[in-house]
Amino acid sequence: MQLDHQLCFALYATSLAMTKVYKPLLAPLGLTYPQYLVMLVLWEQDGLGVRELGARLNLDSGTLTPLLKRLAAQGLLQRDRDTGDERRLNLRLSAEGRALRQRAQDIPQAVLCATACDIDTVSRLTQELGGLRARLLQAAGAEPPAPPAPPTRGAPTRGAGGSVRRAAPPSPGR
């Protein structure tokens, strides 16, 4: 058994490297990587409950609560008790939180460039890792989360050399 032959280490080391790429991109926005993930989910679907957000990010409420409190203190979201169920905490982006999306719009392109991969390779890797995650969760007896949505067809992307192009339509069977 050698460390460099272990899938777990390759995934762990790659995750650390990815976080290092994000850190300087997120610093001007005042966000950490986990906070950015929360914002991504809320930019997709504002008004989620903490439970739904946790399911989407695979995080428990003990991990989410301090993170959400910091985002609220920054004025990026509001945490409100559900009027129908006091146990339920709903999350809504503030105007500042919605405006932050515009400032963050170039981050995915910068990360794509940092990978030195084209959009098709990144899309394939994302799908393969999603499948691996689902199989590992099934093996661990846990319910896998819903698969991520594929990139929007025709959305602008940035190639490895930094050139902007349109994502290719998915091929049949994809």
C-alpha atoms as a PDB file:
ATOM      1  CA  MET A   1       0.000   0.000   0.000  1.00  0.00           C
ATOM      2  CA  GLN A   2       1.384   3.339  -1.099  1.00  0.00           C
ATOM      3  CA  LEU A   3      -0.141   6.732  -0.408  1.00  0.00           C
ATOM      4  CA  ASP A   4       0.094   7.916  -4.011  1.00  0.00           C
ATOM      5  CA  HIS A   5      -1.881   4.872  -5.174  1.00  0.00           C
ATOM      6  CA  GLN A   6      -4.851   5.595  -2.896  1.00  0.00           C
ATOM      7  CA  LEU A   7      -7.935   7.129  -4.495  1.00  0.00           C
ATOM      8  CA  CYS A   8      -8.877   8.773  -1.193  1.00  0.00           C
ATOM      9  CA  PHE A   9      -5.591  10.680  -1.102  1.00  0.00           C
ATOM     10  CA  ALA A  10      -5.875  11.767  -4.734  1.00  0.00           C
ATOM     11  CA  LEU A  11      -9.356  13.153  -4.027  1.00  0.00           C
ATOM     12  CA  TYR A  12      -8.241  14.805  -0.781  1.00  0.00           C
ATOM     13  CA  ALA A  13      -5.158  16.431  -2.320  1.00  0.00           C
ATOM     14  CA  THR A  14      -7.162  17.604  -5.342  1.00  0.00           C
ATOM     15  CA  SER A  15      -9.801  19.122  -3.058  1.00  0.00           C
ATOM     16  CA  LEU A  16      -7.085  21.022  -1.176  1.00  0.00           C
ATOM     17  CA  ALA A  17      -5.611  22.269  -4.452  1.00  0.00           C
ATOM     18  CA  MET A  18      -9.036  23.398  -5.663  1.00  0.00           C
ATOM     19  CA  THR A  19      -9.627  25.304  -2.434  1.00  0.00           C
ATOM     20  CA  LYS A  20      -6.244  27.037  -2.869  1.00  0.00           C
ATOM     21  CA  VAL A  21      -7.318  28.187  -6.332  1.00  0.00           C
ATOM     22  CA  TYR A  22     -10.579  29.588  -4.960  1.00  0.00           C
ATOM     23  CA  LYS A  23      -9.080  31.426  -1.963  1.00  0.00           C
ATOM     24  CA  PRO A  24      -7.648  34.465  -3.820  1.00  0.00           C
ATOM     25  CA  LEU A  25     -10.706  34.591  -6.105  1.00  0.00           C
ATOM     26  CA  LEU A  26     -13.096  34.732  -3.151  1.00  0.00           C
ATOM     27  CA  ALA A  27     -11.059  37.078  -0.927  1.00  0.00           C
ATOM     28  CA  PRO A  28     -12.248  40.265  -2.704  1.00  0.00           C
ATOM     29  CA  LEU A  29     -15.835  39.116  -2.123  1.00  0.00           C
ATOM     30  CA  GLY A  30     -15.202  38.491   1.574  1.00  0.00           C
ATOM     31  CA  LEU A  31     -16.219  34.832   1.236  1.00  0.00           C
ATOM     32  CA  THR A  32     -14.666  31.566   2.278  1.00  0.00           C
ATOM     33  CA  TYR A  33     -15.071  28.541   0.014  1.00  0.00           C
ATOM     34  CA  PRO A  34     -17.898  26.992   2.129  1.00  0.00           C
ATOM     35  CA  GLN A  35     -19.669  30.379   2.177  1.00  0.00           C
ATOM     36  CA  TYR A  36     -19.317  30.565  -1.609  1.00  0.00           C
ATOM     37  CA  LEU A  37     -20.961  27.144  -1.915  1.00  0.00           C
ATOM     38  CA  VAL A  38     -23.898  28.373   0.189  1.00  0.00           C
ATOM     39  CA  MET A  39     -24.212  31.457  -1.994  1.00  0.00           C
ATOM     40  CA  LEU A  40     -24.125  29.334  -5.165  1.00  0.00           C
ATOM     41  CA  VAL A  41     -27.036  27.258  -3.905  1.00  0.00           C
ATOM     42  CA  LEU A  42     -29.039  30.314  -2.843  1.00  0.00           C
ATOM     43  CA  TRP A  43     -28.337  32.088  -6.155  1.00  0.00           C
ATOM     44  CA  GLU A  44     -29.867  29.022  -7.815  1.00  0.00           C
ATOM     45  CA  GLN A  45     -32.809  28.738  -5.433  1.00  0.00           C
ATOM     46  CA  ASP A  46     -33.430  31.515  -2.938  1.00  0.00           C
ATOM     47  CA  GLY A  47     -35.692  30.890   0.039  1.00  0.00           C
ATOM     48  CA  LEU A  48     -34.508  27.402   0.965  1.00  0.00           C
ATOM     49  CA  GLY A  49     -34.728  26.044   4.457  1.00  0.00           C
ATOM     50  CA  VAL A  50     -31.564  25.145   6.345  1.00  0.00           C
ATOM     51  CA  ARG A  51     -32.416  21.441   6.039  1.00  0.00           C
ATOM     52  CA  GLU A  52     -32.700  21.643   2.226  1.00  0.00           C
ATOM     53  CA  LEU A  53     -29.490  23.650   1.979  1.00  0.00           C
ATOM     54  CA  GLY A  54     -27.689  21.118   4.162  1.00  0.00           C
ATOM     55  CA  ALA A  55     -28.932  18.248   1.997  1.00  0.00           C
ATOM     56  CA  ARG A  56     -27.758  20.006  -1.157  1.00  0.00           C
ATOM     57  CA  LEU A  57     -24.280  20.676   0.285  1.00  0.00           C
ATOM     58  CA  ASN A  58     -23.999  17.443   2.288  1.00  0.00           C
ATOM     59  CA  LEU A  59     -23.509  19.468   5.481  1.00  0.00           C
ATOM     60  CA  ASP A  60     -25.243  19.097   8.848  1.00  0.00           C
ATOM     61  CA  SER A  61     -26.901  21.982  10.669  1.00  0.00           C
ATOM     62  CA  GLY A  62     -24.067  22.123  13.217  1.00  0.00           C
ATOM     63  CA  THR A  63     -21.656  22.963  10.408  1.00  0.00           C
ATOM     64  CA  LEU A  64     -24.085  25.248   8.567  1.00  0.00           C
ATOM     65  CA  THR A  65     -25.325  27.342  11.490  1.00  0.00           C
ATOM     66  CA  PRO A  66     -22.115  29.313  12.210  1.00  0.00           C
ATOM     67  CA  LEU A  67     -21.500  29.707   8.492  1.00  0.00           C
ATOM     68  CA  LEU A  68     -25.013  31.100   7.947  1.00  0.00           C
ATOM     69  CA  LYS A  69     -24.699  33.410  10.954  1.00  0.00           C
ATOM     70  CA  ARG A  70     -21.516  34.902   9.455  1.00  0.00           C
ATOM     71  CA  LEU A  71     -23.227  35.403   6.072  1.00  0.00           C
ATOM     72  CA  ALA A  72     -26.144  37.096   7.837  1.00  0.00           C
ATOM     73  CA  ALA A  73     -23.731  39.307   9.823  1.00  0.00           C
ATOM     74  CA  GLN A  74     -22.142  40.316   6.498  1.00  0.00           C
ATOM     75  CA  GLY A  75     -25.592  41.373   5.307  1.00  0.00           C
ATOM     76  CA  LEU A  76     -25.734  38.775   2.522  1.00  0.00           C
ATOM     77  CA  LEU A  77     -28.754  36.803   3.736  1.00  0.00           C
ATOM     78  CA  GLN A  78     -31.597  36.818   6.214  1.00  0.00           C
ATOM     79  CA  ARG A  79     -32.524  33.914   8.444  1.00  0.00           C
ATOM     80  CA  ASP A  80     -36.244  33.882   9.241  1.00  0.00           C
ATOM     81  CA  ARG A  81     -38.384  31.446  11.203  1.00  0.00           C
ATOM     82  CA  ASP A  82     -41.135  29.859   9.126  1.00  0.00           C
ATOM     83  CA  THR A  83     -44.503  31.224  10.245  1.00  0.00           C
ATOM     84  CA  GLY A  84     -46.091  27.798   9.786  1.00  0.00           C
ATOM     85  CA  ASP A  85     -43.346  25.856  11.592  1.00  0.00           C
ATOM     86  CA  GLU A  86     -41.200  27.653  14.161  1.00  0.00           C
ATOM     87  CA  ARG A  87     -38.613  24.848  13.988  1.00  0.00           C
ATOM     88  CA  ARG A  88     -37.926  25.637  10.331  1.00  0.00           C
ATOM     89  CA  LEU A  89     -35.414  28.364   9.461  1.00  0.00           C
ATOM     90  CA  ASN A  90     -35.732  29.852   5.972  1.00  0.00           C
ATOM     91  CA  LEU A  91     -32.898  31.612   4.175  1.00  0.00           C
ATOM     92  CA  ARG A  92     -33.389  34.559   1.865  1.00  0.00           C
ATOM     93  CA  LEU A  93     -30.721  36.518   0.057  1.00  0.00           C
ATOM     94  CA  SER A  94     -30.563  40.218   0.811  1.00  0.00           C
ATOM     95  CA  ALA A  95     -30.204  42.758  -1.990  1.00  0.00           C
ATOM     96  CA  GLU A  96     -26.474  42.763  -1.234  1.00  0.00           C
ATOM     97  CA  GLY A  97     -26.380  38.962  -1.441  1.00  0.00           C
ATOM     98  CA  ARG A  98     -28.134  38.999  -4.806  1.00  0.00           C
ATOM     99  CA  ALA A  99     -25.788  41.753  -6.074  1.00  0.00           C
ATOM    100  CA  LEU A 100     -22.749  39.718  -5.035  1.00  0.00           C
ATOM    101  CA  ARG A 101     -23.619  37.204  -7.749  1.00  0.00           C
ATOM    102  CA  GLN A 102     -22.610  39.737 -10.396  1.00  0.00           C
ATOM    103  CA  ARG A 103     -19.225  40.256  -8.725  1.00  0.00           C
ATOM    104  CA  ALA A 104     -18.705  36.477  -8.586  1.00  0.00           C
ATOM    105  CA  GLN A 105     -19.654  35.755 -12.182  1.00  0.00           C
ATOM    106  CA  ASP A 106     -16.062  35.362 -13.459  1.00  0.00           C
ATOM    107  CA  ILE A 107     -15.001  32.884 -10.773  1.00  0.00           C
ATOM    108  CA  PRO A 108     -16.106  29.700 -12.604  1.00  0.00           C
ATOM    109  CA  GLN A 109     -14.194  30.826 -15.697  1.00  0.00           C
ATOM    110  CA  ALA A 110     -11.067  31.548 -13.666  1.00  0.00           C
ATOM    111  CA  VAL A 111     -11.264  28.103 -12.070  1.00  0.00           C
ATOM    112  CA  LEU A 112     -11.792  26.471 -15.457  1.00  0.00           C
ATOM    113  CA  CYS A 113      -8.654  28.232 -16.722  1.00  0.00           C
ATOM    114  CA  ALA A 114      -6.719  27.091 -13.636  1.00  0.00           C
ATOM    115  CA  THR A 115      -7.568  23.458 -14.417  1.00  0.00           C
ATOM    116  CA  ALA A 116      -6.012  23.788 -17.891  1.00  0.00           C
ATOM    117  CA  CYS A 117      -8.891  21.576 -19.078  1.00  0.00           C
ATOM    118  CA  ASP A 118     -11.542  22.273 -21.672  1.00  0.00           C
ATOM    119  CA  ILE A 119     -15.196  22.447 -20.666  1.00  0.00           C
ATOM    120  CA  ASP A 120     -15.921  18.941 -21.969  1.00  0.00           C
ATOM    121  CA  THR A 121     -13.191  17.439 -19.767  1.00  0.00           C
ATOM    122  CA  VAL A 122     -14.387  19.342 -16.707  1.00  0.00           C
ATOM    123  CA  SER A 123     -17.986  18.325 -17.405  1.00  0.00           C
ATOM    124  CA  ARG A 124     -16.972  14.663 -17.763  1.00  0.00           C
ATOM    125  CA  LEU A 125     -14.900  14.775 -14.555  1.00  0.00           C
ATOM    126  CA  THR A 126     -17.814  16.383 -12.687  1.00  0.00           C
ATOM    127  CA  GLN A 127     -20.196  13.663 -13.884  1.00  0.00           C
ATOM    128  CA  GLU A 128     -17.741  10.878 -13.046  1.00  0.00           C
ATOM    129  CA  LEU A 129     -17.111  12.287  -9.559  1.00  0.00           C
ATOM    130  CA  GLY A 130     -20.862  12.649  -8.994  1.00  0.00           C
ATOM    131  CA  GLY A 131     -21.319   9.014  -9.914  1.00  0.00           C
ATOM    132  CA  LEU A 132     -18.447   7.979  -7.651  1.00  0.00           C
ATOM    133  CA  ARG A 133     -19.944   9.986  -4.768  1.00  0.00           C
ATOM    134  CA  ALA A 134     -23.342   8.310  -5.280  1.00  0.00           C
ATOM    135  CA  ARG A 135     -21.783   4.820  -5.323  1.00  0.00           C
ATOM    136  CA  LEU A 136     -19.732   5.553  -2.194  1.00  0.00           C
ATOM    137  CA  LEU A 137     -22.787   6.894  -0.374  1.00  0.00           C
ATOM    138  CA  GLN A 138     -24.742   3.820  -1.400  1.00  0.00           C
ATOM    139  CA  ALA A 139     -21.922   1.574  -0.149  1.00  0.00           C
ATOM    140  CA  ALA A 140     -21.940   3.515   3.138  1.00  0.00           C
ATOM    141  CA  GLY A 141     -25.711   3.052   3.428  1.00  0.00           C
ATOM    142  CA  ALA A 142     -26.479   6.748   2.896  1.00  0.00           C
ATOM    143  CA  GLU A 143     -28.875   8.339   0.433  1.00  0.00           C
ATOM    144  CA  PRO A 144     -27.004   9.986  -2.449  1.00  0.00           C
ATOM    145  CA  PRO A 145     -27.899  13.622  -3.185  1.00  0.00           C
ATOM    146  CA  ALA A 146     -29.560  14.616  -6.440  1.00  0.00           C
ATOM    147  CA  PRO A 147     -27.038  14.729  -9.306  1.00  0.00           C
ATOM    148  CA  PRO A 148     -25.764  18.174 -10.301  1.00  0.00           C
ATOM    149  CA  ALA A 149     -27.292  19.789 -13.355  1.00  0.00           C
ATOM    150  CA  PRO A 150     -25.099  19.695 -16.460  1.00  0.00           C
ATOM    151  CA  PRO A 151     -23.670  22.993 -17.747  1.00  0.00           C
ATOM    152  CA  THR A 152     -26.223  25.078 -19.622  1.00  0.00           C
ATOM    153  CA  ARG A 153     -26.013  24.423 -23.329  1.00  0.00           C
ATOM    154  CA  GLY A 154     -24.650  27.420 -25.171  1.00  0.00           C
ATOM    155  CA  ALA A 155     -23.433  29.116 -21.987  1.00  0.00           C
ATOM    156  CA  PRO A 156     -20.170  31.004 -22.451  1.00  0.00           C
ATOM    157  CA  THR A 157     -17.106  29.220 -21.141  1.00  0.00           C
ATOM    158  CA  ARG A 158     -13.426  29.977 -21.055  1.00  0.00           C
ATOM    159  CA  GLY A 159     -11.006  27.477 -22.545  1.00  0.00           C
ATOM    160  CA  ALA A 160      -7.662  26.473 -21.059  1.00  0.00           C
ATOM    161  CA  GLY A 161      -5.923  29.299 -22.910  1.00  0.00           C
ATOM    162  CA  GLY A 162      -8.433  31.840 -21.637  1.00  0.00           C
ATOM    163  CA  SER A 163     -10.419  32.190 -24.871  1.00  0.00           C
ATOM    164  CA  VAL A 164     -14.173  32.531 -24.500  1.00  0.00           C
ATOM    165  CA  ARG A 165     -16.283  29.986 -26.357  1.00  0.00           C
ATOM    166  CA  ARG A 166     -19.748  28.518 -26.207  1.00  0.00           C
ATOM    167  CA  ALA A 167     -20.262  25.156 -24.559  1.00  0.00           C
ATOM    168  CA  ALA A 168     -20.906  22.478 -27.137  1.00  0.00           C
ATOM    169  CA  PRO A 169     -24.363  20.926 -27.183  1.00  0.00           C
ATOM    170  CA  PRO A 170     -24.380  17.536 -25.486  1.00  0.00           C
ATOM    171  CA  SER A 171     -23.856  14.632 -27.820  1.00  0.00           C
ATOM    172  CA  PRO A 172     -26.607  12.007 -28.137  1.00  0.00           C
ATOM    173  CA  GLY A 173     -26.744   9.700 -25.153  1.00  0.00           C
ATOM    174  CA  ARG A 174     -25.207  12.218 -22.795  1.00  0.00           C
END
